[in-house]
Amino acid sequence: MNLTEEQQKEALIVGSVLISGEIRPDVRFLLKPHHFTHEKLKQTYLLAVELYEENGKVDYSLIMEKLREMKIIDLDFLVDLHWAEEEAVTRVRQSSMARALLREYERKSLKDACYDVGSRITEGIPIELARNQITESVFKSTITKGKEISNTEHSEILYSLIKKKERKDVFCPQYGWPHLDRVSKGMVPGEITLLSGPSGSGKTTTALNWMTNASVCKKHGGLFVSLEMDENILGLRILASLSGENINMIESGKITQNVDQALKILNSEANYTIIDNTPKNMTEIVAAIELSFKNKAIEFFVLDYIGEVLPDRHKDERSDQMYRRWIKTLRDLCVRLKIHGVIICQNNKEGDLAESKAMAHVSDRWFHFFVEEKQPKLIVRKNRNGPVGSEITLFFDKKTQTIRETDQ
């Protein structure tokens, strides 16, 4: 048998119909073709409904004959049907099985809708418009707990989820790179992202671009813990990327209209904090993050970079074990505070993490910079929320300190 857990529920309903020879009226009313994910089970159910409406019963021999005529029957499907018929005898009644399938379908639809809403909001579509679009497209004829729910009621359900953020991961900060956000689901709370690459590859610029998108454009609270650069240099780089102007021109004191507008945005709308002096060891870094969470309600932080943290090896602890312990400490902090962490690290000549390979084991995702034929790229080496191996081609404008995806 090669049925998923959800398809097993579908098979049990079909098996119950075949062995009982009838379809309960409430099941016929509730269960629609789009509730089935298994195409052959859906066709069998539709055929059973058709025969039942014509003859008042489901003739087993007749339905099997028609399935063969439709070339739906094969050995694997016969095995699945045989299992379903045997199991349906010992399971709860047909109506209960149908409602169980509908509840599963409703949960999946609601989850998909929420992710869709999250991506639409990320793209700049107003929440109200996104809510109405999803309500119309996803919930037009769905059923909840065996009861018909109107579009208005579905709209209220979805709005409640948006308002209360009961699925916080849907509304979490995004990196601001469309393809990367799709494959990773953004900066999911309780998780750690490793960002690695050779020196000068653009890791800090990338992290600053991500923070600008999340904290300036989308107003998510962010913290940038810098162990290499001071706040003034980082501020200049943010200003250059936001205004689209040459950083050297801005540093010389020339203020264009774009720079002036960007300054106003940063002064009035930016929702980030930069720390460039106090934290030196991991204990101080954790304390700074906790304080920012308490005072600023941050939703993510960036640590640039972990190789500059003062060592605090325990007795008999190797260097790679120390780095692994640090990442685990930061991840536990993210889980407890429900925030996301971006950790910048170096890589060696072999392309592995220079500090410790073990860091990747306790992180949730690992994005790695590399250059191929003078073209900067980012590869997804680890990803708990989606596929790995995606290569994202990048455009790096050093004058404006901007890194973005090229068309995928």
Protein backbone atom coordinates (compact mmCIF):
# COMPACT_ATOMS: atom_id res chain seq x y z
CA MET A 1 0.00 0.00 0.00
CA ASN A 2 1.36 3.40 -1.02
CA LEU A 3 -1.16 5.76 0.52
CA THR A 4 -0.34 8.80 2.63
CA GLU A 5 -2.10 9.29 5.96
CA GLU A 6 -4.56 11.70 4.35
CA GLN A 7 -5.21 9.35 1.43
CA GLN A 8 -5.87 6.51 3.85
CA LYS A 9 -8.83 8.51 5.19
CA GLU A 10 -10.06 8.91 1.62
CA ALA A 11 -9.64 5.18 0.99
CA LEU A 12 -11.60 4.28 4.15
CA ILE A 13 -14.58 6.29 2.95
CA VAL A 14 -14.48 4.66 -0.49
CA GLY A 15 -14.08 1.23 1.15
CA SER A 16 -17.10 1.89 3.37
CA VAL A 17 -19.17 2.86 0.35
CA LEU A 18 -18.16 -0.28 -1.56
CA ILE A 19 -18.87 -2.77 1.23
CA SER A 20 -22.10 -1.11 2.44
CA GLY A 21 -23.50 -0.41 -1.02
CA GLU A 22 -24.77 3.00 0.06
CA ILE A 23 -23.66 6.58 0.57
CA ARG A 24 -25.19 8.40 3.49
CA PRO A 25 -27.01 11.61 2.51
CA ASP A 26 -24.89 13.77 4.81
CA VAL A 27 -21.71 12.31 3.30
CA ARG A 28 -22.93 13.03 -0.23
CA PHE A 29 -23.75 16.57 0.85
CA LEU A 30 -20.45 17.19 2.63
CA LEU A 31 -17.86 15.35 0.55
CA LYS A 32 -16.90 16.96 -2.76
CA PRO A 33 -14.34 15.88 -5.40
CA HIS A 34 -11.83 18.57 -4.44
CA HIS A 35 -11.53 17.04 -0.97
CA PHE A 36 -9.71 14.04 -2.48
CA THR A 37 -5.97 14.17 -3.17
CA HIS A 38 -5.79 10.64 -4.67
CA GLU A 39 -7.06 10.82 -8.25
CA LYS A 40 -8.18 7.17 -8.54
CA LEU A 41 -10.02 7.30 -5.21
CA LYS A 42 -11.71 10.50 -6.34
CA GLN A 43 -12.86 8.89 -9.60
CA THR A 44 -14.12 5.85 -7.69
CA TYR A 45 -16.10 8.04 -5.29
CA LEU A 46 -17.61 10.08 -8.14
CA LEU A 47 -18.62 6.88 -9.93
CA ALA A 48 -20.18 5.53 -6.73
CA VAL A 49 -22.19 8.72 -6.23
CA GLU A 50 -23.39 8.58 -9.84
CA LEU A 51 -24.50 4.95 -9.54
CA TYR A 52 -26.16 5.56 -6.18
CA GLU A 53 -28.16 8.50 -7.53
CA GLU A 54 -29.28 6.40 -10.51
CA ASN A 55 -30.08 3.10 -8.77
CA GLY A 56 -30.36 3.90 -5.06
CA LYS A 57 -27.41 1.61 -4.30
CA VAL A 58 -23.76 1.04 -5.17
CA ASP A 59 -23.39 -2.28 -7.00
CA TYR A 60 -19.88 -3.59 -6.26
CA SER A 61 -19.58 -5.68 -9.43
CA LEU A 62 -20.89 -2.89 -11.63
CA ILE A 63 -18.55 -0.27 -10.17
CA MET A 64 -15.52 -2.55 -10.59
CA GLU A 65 -16.53 -3.21 -14.19
CA LYS A 66 -16.80 0.51 -14.91
CA LEU A 67 -13.46 1.18 -13.22
CA ARG A 68 -11.84 -1.35 -15.55
CA GLU A 69 -13.51 0.28 -18.57
CA MET A 70 -12.12 3.63 -17.42
CA LYS A 71 -8.67 1.99 -17.07
CA ILE A 72 -8.45 3.07 -13.43
CA ILE A 73 -7.91 -0.40 -12.01
CA ASP A 74 -4.39 -1.76 -11.69
CA LEU A 75 -2.71 -4.11 -9.23
CA ASP A 76 -1.56 -1.39 -6.83
CA PHE A 77 -4.99 0.21 -6.72
CA LEU A 78 -6.65 -3.17 -6.14
CA VAL A 79 -4.36 -3.69 -3.13
CA ASP A 80 -5.31 -0.25 -1.79
CA LEU A 81 -9.03 -0.96 -2.25
CA HIS A 82 -8.77 -4.36 -0.59
CA TRP A 83 -7.05 -2.77 2.42
CA ALA A 84 -9.69 -0.04 2.57
CA GLU A 85 -12.58 -2.52 2.48
CA GLU A 86 -11.11 -4.62 5.29
CA GLU A 87 -10.27 -1.62 7.45
CA ALA A 88 -13.60 0.12 6.86
CA VAL A 89 -15.45 -2.78 8.51
CA THR A 90 -13.67 -2.19 11.81
CA ARG A 91 -13.60 1.62 11.71
CA VAL A 92 -16.17 4.21 12.75
CA ARG A 93 -19.21 4.88 10.61
CA GLN A 94 -19.07 6.51 7.22
CA SER A 95 -20.20 9.97 8.38
CA SER A 96 -17.49 10.18 11.03
CA MET A 97 -14.81 9.20 8.55
CA ALA A 98 -16.03 11.83 6.10
CA ARG A 99 -15.94 14.52 8.77
CA ALA A 100 -12.42 13.47 9.79
CA LEU A 101 -11.31 13.87 6.17
CA LEU A 102 -13.00 17.26 5.92
CA ARG A 103 -11.35 18.52 9.09
CA GLU A 104 -7.97 17.48 7.68
CA TYR A 105 -8.78 19.20 4.38
CA GLU A 106 -9.89 22.35 6.20
CA ARG A 107 -6.70 22.53 8.29
CA LYS A 108 -4.56 22.14 5.17
CA SER A 109 -6.56 24.75 3.25
CA LEU A 110 -6.35 27.20 6.12
CA LYS A 111 -2.58 26.64 6.44
CA ASP A 112 -2.05 27.12 2.70
CA ALA A 113 -4.23 30.22 2.74
CA CYS A 114 -2.28 31.74 5.59
CA TYR A 115 1.03 31.18 3.81
CA ASP A 116 -0.49 32.72 0.70
CA VAL A 117 -1.67 35.73 2.69
CA GLY A 118 1.77 36.08 4.24
CA SER A 119 3.48 36.10 0.84
CA ARG A 120 0.96 38.56 -0.58
CA ILE A 121 1.44 40.93 2.34
CA THR A 122 5.22 40.59 1.93
CA GLU A 123 4.82 41.63 -1.71
CA GLY A 124 3.11 44.81 -0.53
CA ILE A 125 -0.55 43.91 -1.06
CA PRO A 126 -2.73 45.44 1.72
CA ILE A 127 -3.91 42.95 4.35
CA GLU A 128 -7.58 43.67 3.66
CA LEU A 129 -7.22 43.02 -0.06
CA ALA A 130 -5.14 39.89 0.50
CA ARG A 131 -7.72 38.58 2.98
CA ASN A 132 -10.56 39.07 0.54
CA GLN A 133 -8.65 37.47 -2.33
CA ILE A 134 -7.78 34.37 -0.31
CA THR A 135 -11.28 34.07 1.13
CA GLU A 136 -12.74 34.18 -2.35
CA SER A 137 -10.29 31.73 -3.94
CA VAL A 138 -9.69 29.20 -1.17
CA PHE A 139 -12.82 29.12 0.95
CA LYS A 140 -15.52 29.60 -1.64
CA SER A 141 -17.12 26.22 -1.06
CA THR A 142 -15.19 24.57 1.78
CA ILE A 143 -16.74 22.90 4.79
CA THR A 144 -15.81 23.16 8.46
CA LYS A 145 -16.91 20.43 10.87
CA GLY A 146 -19.69 19.31 8.57
CA LYS A 147 -21.30 22.75 8.40
CA GLU A 148 -21.43 25.11 5.43
CA ILE A 149 -19.45 28.26 6.16
CA SER A 150 -20.16 31.46 4.28
CA ASN A 151 -17.49 33.64 2.72
CA THR A 152 -18.12 36.23 5.42
CA GLU A 153 -17.49 33.71 8.17
CA HIS A 154 -14.37 32.43 6.44
CA SER A 155 -13.22 36.01 6.07
CA GLU A 156 -13.64 36.52 9.81
CA ILE A 157 -11.69 33.32 10.57
CA LEU A 158 -8.80 34.41 8.38
CA TYR A 159 -8.85 37.96 9.71
CA SER A 160 -8.68 36.57 13.24
CA LEU A 161 -5.55 34.62 12.30
CA ILE A 162 -3.99 37.73 10.81
CA LYS A 163 -4.91 39.92 13.76
CA LYS A 164 -3.81 37.49 16.49
CA LYS A 165 -0.85 36.12 14.51
CA GLU A 166 -1.69 32.63 15.64
CA ARG A 167 0.63 31.39 12.89
CA LYS A 168 3.52 33.70 13.61
CA ASP A 169 5.82 31.97 11.11
CA VAL A 170 3.55 33.17 8.28
CA PHE A 171 4.10 36.80 9.28
CA CYS A 172 7.74 36.51 10.24
CA PRO A 173 10.38 38.87 8.84
CA GLN A 174 11.44 38.12 5.28
CA TYR A 175 14.94 38.33 3.80
CA GLY A 176 13.58 40.44 0.96
CA TRP A 177 14.85 38.14 -1.81
CA PRO A 178 11.74 36.57 -3.38
CA HIS A 179 13.24 33.21 -4.36
CA LEU A 180 15.06 32.79 -1.05
CA ASP A 181 11.91 33.68 0.90
CA ARG A 182 9.92 31.10 -1.06
CA VAL A 183 12.30 28.22 -0.38
CA SER A 184 13.04 29.15 3.26
CA LYS A 185 9.74 30.69 4.50
CA GLY A 186 11.69 33.75 5.72
CA MET A 187 13.17 34.35 9.18
CA VAL A 188 11.09 31.78 11.03
CA PRO A 189 10.97 32.37 14.83
CA GLY A 190 12.97 29.92 16.91
CA GLU A 191 15.47 29.19 14.15
CA ILE A 192 19.06 30.07 13.20
CA THR A 193 20.45 30.98 9.77
CA LEU A 194 24.16 30.60 9.05
CA LEU A 195 25.47 32.96 6.35
CA SER A 196 28.95 31.95 5.19
CA GLY A 197 31.37 32.90 2.48
CA PRO A 198 34.95 34.05 1.84
CA SER A 199 36.18 37.39 3.12
CA GLY A 200 34.83 40.30 1.06
CA SER A 201 32.10 38.22 -0.62
CA GLY A 202 29.30 40.48 0.62
CA LYS A 203 28.06 38.72 3.77
CA THR A 204 27.76 41.89 5.88
CA THR A 205 26.21 43.80 2.99
CA THR A 206 23.69 41.01 2.51
CA ALA A 207 22.77 40.97 6.21
CA LEU A 208 22.36 44.76 6.19
CA ASN A 209 20.14 44.53 3.08
CA TRP A 210 18.04 41.86 4.80
CA MET A 211 17.71 44.05 7.89
CA THR A 212 16.78 47.09 5.79
CA ASN A 213 13.99 45.12 4.13
CA ALA A 214 12.68 43.65 7.38
CA SER A 215 13.13 46.58 9.78
CA VAL A 216 12.79 49.66 7.56
CA CYS A 217 10.44 48.54 4.79
CA LYS A 218 8.37 46.06 6.83
CA LYS A 219 8.83 47.51 10.38
CA HIS A 220 9.96 44.26 12.05
CA GLY A 221 12.17 44.91 15.07
CA GLY A 222 15.80 43.98 14.38
CA LEU A 223 19.16 44.02 16.17
CA PHE A 224 22.57 44.11 14.46
CA VAL A 225 25.43 43.02 16.74
CA SER A 226 28.67 44.07 15.02
CA LEU A 227 32.03 42.84 16.27
CA GLU A 228 33.94 44.24 13.26
CA MET A 229 32.52 47.59 12.08
CA ASP A 230 31.30 50.63 13.99
CA GLU A 231 27.77 51.99 13.81
CA ASN A 232 28.66 54.96 11.58
CA ILE A 233 30.08 52.76 8.79
CA LEU A 234 27.12 50.40 8.98
CA GLY A 235 24.73 53.37 8.93
CA LEU A 236 26.38 54.71 5.77
CA ARG A 237 25.99 51.35 4.06
CA ILE A 238 22.31 51.17 5.00
CA LEU A 239 21.78 54.72 3.76
CA ALA A 240 23.47 53.94 0.44
CA SER A 241 21.37 50.84 -0.20
CA LEU A 242 18.12 52.56 0.80
CA SER A 243 18.78 55.69 -1.29
CA GLY A 244 20.45 53.92 -4.23
CA GLU A 245 23.27 56.47 -4.17
CA ASN A 246 27.06 55.99 -4.24
CA ILE A 247 28.39 55.42 -0.71
CA ASN A 248 31.55 57.43 -1.43
CA MET A 249 29.46 60.42 -2.47
CA ILE A 250 27.38 60.17 0.72
CA GLU A 251 30.53 59.87 2.84
CA SER A 252 31.90 63.05 1.24
CA GLY A 253 28.86 64.93 2.54
CA LYS A 254 26.88 65.36 -0.68
CA ILE A 255 23.16 65.05 0.06
CA THR A 256 20.92 64.38 -2.93
CA GLN A 257 17.14 64.27 -2.88
CA ASN A 258 17.25 60.47 -2.65
CA VAL A 259 19.63 60.58 0.30
CA ASP A 260 17.51 63.21 2.05
CA GLN A 261 14.38 61.08 1.58
CA ALA A 262 16.19 57.98 2.86
CA LEU A 263 17.39 59.87 5.93
CA LYS A 264 13.83 60.92 6.74
CA ILE A 265 12.68 57.31 6.43
CA LEU A 266 15.49 56.04 8.66
CA ASN A 267 14.81 58.72 11.28
CA SER A 268 11.05 58.18 11.38
CA GLU A 269 10.33 54.59 10.34
CA ALA A 270 13.39 52.42 10.93
CA ASN A 271 12.89 49.73 13.57
CA TYR A 272 16.39 48.43 14.21
CA THR A 273 19.24 48.84 16.67
CA ILE A 274 22.99 48.53 16.04
CA ILE A 275 25.36 47.49 18.82
CA ASP A 276 29.04 47.94 17.97
CA ASN A 277 30.94 48.14 21.25
CA THR A 278 29.82 46.35 24.44
CA PRO A 279 29.41 42.62 23.69
CA LYS A 280 32.66 40.70 23.29
CA ASN A 281 31.97 37.22 24.65
CA MET A 282 28.95 34.98 24.17
CA THR A 283 27.52 35.72 27.62
CA GLU A 284 27.48 39.46 26.87
CA ILE A 285 26.00 38.88 23.40
CA VAL A 286 23.15 36.79 24.81
CA ALA A 287 22.49 39.46 27.46
CA ALA A 288 22.41 42.21 24.80
CA ILE A 289 19.93 40.23 22.69
CA GLU A 290 17.68 39.58 25.70
CA LEU A 291 17.78 43.28 26.67
CA SER A 292 16.87 44.35 23.12
CA PHE A 293 14.03 41.85 23.08
CA LYS A 294 12.72 43.25 26.37
CA ASN A 295 13.09 46.94 25.47
CA LYS A 296 12.67 46.93 21.68
CA ALA A 297 10.57 43.78 21.04
CA ILE A 298 13.00 42.61 18.36
CA GLU A 299 11.93 39.76 16.06
CA PHE A 300 15.39 38.89 14.74
CA PHE A 301 19.08 39.63 15.26
CA VAL A 302 22.27 39.51 13.18
CA LEU A 303 25.65 38.57 14.67
CA ASP A 304 28.59 39.78 12.54
CA TYR A 305 30.64 37.74 12.89
CA ILE A 306 30.99 34.71 15.17
CA GLY A 307 34.74 34.35 14.57
CA GLU A 308 35.30 37.61 16.50
CA VAL A 309 33.64 36.38 19.70
CA LEU A 310 36.16 35.94 22.52
CA PRO A 311 36.84 32.25 23.19
CA ASP A 312 35.51 30.75 26.42
CA ARG A 313 36.43 27.10 26.02
CA HIS A 314 35.55 24.80 28.86
CA LYS A 315 38.12 22.38 30.20
CA ASP A 316 39.04 19.76 27.58
CA GLU A 317 36.67 21.41 25.09
CA ARG A 318 37.90 21.63 21.50
CA SER A 319 37.49 24.80 19.46
CA ASP A 320 34.90 23.23 17.13
CA GLN A 321 32.91 22.04 20.16
CA MET A 322 32.93 25.58 21.56
CA TYR A 323 31.47 27.01 18.32
CA ARG A 324 28.82 24.30 18.28
CA ARG A 325 27.92 25.16 21.88
CA TRP A 326 27.60 28.83 20.96
CA ILE A 327 25.24 28.13 18.07
CA LYS A 328 23.15 25.85 20.28
CA THR A 329 23.03 28.57 22.97
CA LEU A 330 21.83 31.14 20.43
CA ARG A 331 19.29 28.73 18.96
CA ASP A 332 17.90 27.91 22.42
CA LEU A 333 17.61 31.67 22.98
CA CYS A 334 15.70 32.04 19.69
CA VAL A 335 13.32 29.25 20.66
CA ARG A 336 12.70 30.78 24.09
CA LEU A 337 12.14 34.33 22.82
CA LYS A 338 10.48 33.23 19.55
CA ILE A 339 12.89 35.29 17.43
CA HIS A 340 15.23 34.48 14.52
CA GLY A 341 19.02 34.67 14.46
CA VAL A 342 21.34 35.28 11.50
CA ILE A 343 24.94 34.28 12.23
CA ILE A 344 27.69 35.40 9.86
CA CYS A 345 30.70 33.08 9.61
CA GLN A 346 33.68 32.42 7.34
CA ASN A 347 34.44 29.44 5.15
CA ASN A 348 37.75 27.77 4.38
CA LYS A 349 39.31 26.97 1.00
CA GLU A 350 37.39 23.69 0.82
CA GLY A 351 34.10 25.57 1.19
CA ASP A 352 33.38 24.27 4.70
CA LEU A 353 32.68 26.44 7.73
CA ALA A 354 36.05 27.74 8.90
CA GLU A 355 35.08 27.97 12.57
CA SER A 356 33.47 24.54 12.91
CA LYS A 357 31.59 22.16 10.63
CA ALA A 358 29.52 21.19 13.67
CA MET A 359 27.78 24.60 13.61
CA ALA A 360 25.76 23.49 10.61
CA HIS A 361 24.43 20.49 12.53
CA VAL A 362 22.60 22.62 15.12
CA SER A 363 21.51 25.42 12.78
CA ASP A 364 18.25 25.37 10.83
CA ARG A 365 19.58 26.68 7.54
CA TRP A 366 22.90 27.44 5.94
CA PHE A 367 23.31 29.88 3.04
CA HIS A 368 26.75 29.96 1.42
CA PHE A 369 28.30 32.58 -0.89
CA PHE A 370 30.50 31.50 -3.76
CA VAL A 371 31.68 32.92 -7.08
CA GLU A 372 31.32 31.04 -10.35
CA GLU A 373 32.87 32.58 -13.46
CA LYS A 374 32.99 35.99 -11.71
CA GLN A 375 29.28 35.71 -10.96
CA PRO A 376 28.35 35.87 -7.22
CA LYS A 377 25.87 33.21 -6.13
CA LEU A 378 24.24 31.94 -2.99
CA ILE A 379 23.57 28.25 -2.46
CA VAL A 380 21.13 26.80 0.08
CA ARG A 381 23.18 24.07 1.77
CA LYS A 382 20.76 23.34 4.60
CA ASN A 383 17.07 24.17 4.98
CA ARG A 384 14.69 22.71 7.55
CA ASN A 385 11.69 24.35 5.87
CA GLY A 386 12.22 23.41 2.26
CA PRO A 387 14.51 22.20 -0.50
CA VAL A 388 18.31 22.33 -0.43
CA GLY A 389 20.69 22.85 -3.31
CA SER A 390 18.99 25.96 -4.75
CA GLU A 391 21.53 28.25 -6.39
CA ILE A 392 20.54 31.92 -6.44
CA THR A 393 22.37 34.20 -8.87
CA LEU A 394 23.10 37.60 -7.35
CA PHE A 395 23.82 41.13 -8.50
CA PHE A 396 26.26 43.01 -6.24
CA ASP A 397 26.46 46.79 -6.66
CA LYS A 398 29.32 47.83 -4.37
CA LYS A 399 28.74 51.55 -5.05
CA THR A 400 25.28 51.47 -3.51
CA GLN A 401 26.01 48.55 -1.15
CA THR A 402 23.14 46.56 -2.64
CA ILE A 403 22.92 42.82 -3.23
CA ARG A 404 19.83 41.40 -4.83
CA GLU A 405 18.65 38.37 -6.76
CA THR A 406 18.75 38.45 -10.50
CA ASP A 407 15.68 37.09 -12.32
CA GLN A 408 15.29 33.41 -11.44
